[in-house]
Protein backbone atom coordinates (compact mmCIF):
# COMPACT_ATOMS: atom_id res chain seq x y z
CA GLU A 1 -15.92 -5.13 1.10
CA ARG A 2 -13.97 -3.11 -1.37
CA TYR A 3 -14.49 -0.03 0.86
CA LYS A 4 -12.46 -1.83 3.59
CA SER A 5 -9.46 -2.51 1.23
CA GLU A 6 -9.59 0.92 -0.56
CA GLY A 7 -10.50 2.95 2.47
CA PRO A 8 -11.51 6.74 2.35
CA GLY A 9 -10.75 6.55 -1.55
CA PHE A 10 -13.72 4.30 -2.11
CA ALA A 11 -16.17 7.11 -0.96
CA GLN A 12 -15.56 8.93 -4.17
CA THR A 13 -16.18 5.77 -6.31
CA TYR A 14 -19.27 5.28 -4.58
CA ARG A 15 -20.57 8.82 -4.82
CA GLN A 16 -19.95 8.63 -8.60
CA LEU A 17 -21.78 5.36 -8.57
CA LEU A 18 -24.70 6.95 -6.96
CA GLY A 19 -24.47 10.05 -9.26
CA GLN A 20 -24.85 7.91 -12.37
CA THR A 21 -27.77 5.85 -11.16
CA GLY A 22 -30.82 6.62 -13.70
CA SER A 23 -28.58 7.72 -16.28
CA ALA A 24 -27.33 4.31 -17.35
CA SER A 25 -28.11 0.70 -16.87
CA ALA A 26 -27.07 -0.97 -13.72
CA VAL A 27 -24.54 -2.93 -15.60
CA GLU A 28 -22.98 0.16 -17.05
CA VAL A 29 -22.92 2.04 -13.87
CA THR A 30 -21.40 -0.55 -11.69
CA ARG A 31 -18.85 -1.67 -14.43
CA LYS A 32 -17.57 2.05 -14.33
CA ALA A 33 -17.30 1.65 -10.62
CA GLY A 34 -15.30 -1.74 -11.05
CA PHE A 35 -17.92 -4.12 -10.32
CA ASP A 36 -19.35 -6.88 -12.62
CA ILE A 37 -22.79 -7.48 -11.36
CA GLU A 38 -23.25 -9.97 -14.38
CA LYS A 39 -20.85 -12.43 -12.73
CA PRO A 40 -22.06 -14.89 -10.21
CA GLU A 41 -19.06 -14.19 -8.01
CA PHE A 42 -20.32 -10.60 -7.48
CA TRP A 43 -23.50 -11.91 -6.10
CA LEU A 44 -21.88 -14.85 -4.15
CA SER A 45 -19.61 -12.43 -2.52
CA ALA A 46 -22.43 -10.06 -1.48
CA LEU A 47 -24.57 -12.96 -0.11
CA SER A 48 -21.52 -14.12 2.05
CA ILE A 49 -21.42 -10.77 3.45
CA PHE A 50 -24.98 -10.75 4.38
CA GLU A 51 -24.81 -14.35 5.79
CA ARG A 52 -21.81 -13.31 8.17
CA GLN A 53 -23.58 -10.15 9.25
CA THR A 54 -26.91 -12.30 9.93
CA VAL A 55 -24.83 -14.82 12.05
CA GLU A 56 -23.18 -12.07 14.04
CA PHE A 57 -26.46 -10.48 14.59
CA GLU A 58 -27.91 -13.66 15.78
CA ASN A 59 -25.08 -14.21 18.21
CA LEU A 60 -25.53 -10.72 19.61
CA VAL A 61 -29.21 -11.36 20.19
CA ALA A 62 -28.55 -14.75 21.92
CA ASP A 63 -25.94 -13.10 24.16
CA VAL A 64 -28.49 -10.32 25.11
CA LEU A 65 -31.04 -12.83 25.85
CA GLY A 66 -28.83 -15.09 27.51
CA ARG A 67 -29.24 -18.06 25.36
């Protein structure tokens, strides 16, 4: 959720990350962008975001279906 804290400035970081994809390893590319994908915390954070969004989606579907 770094994009939320950095705001529009994160777009440049993200573009650079995408531009380097294929020219270096995933570890190197993400490290340059300030992420450490070798740490469990990175993945746990990503999974918690996915979990929260899944619960939100399930709640929206339940509301639409009247459950």
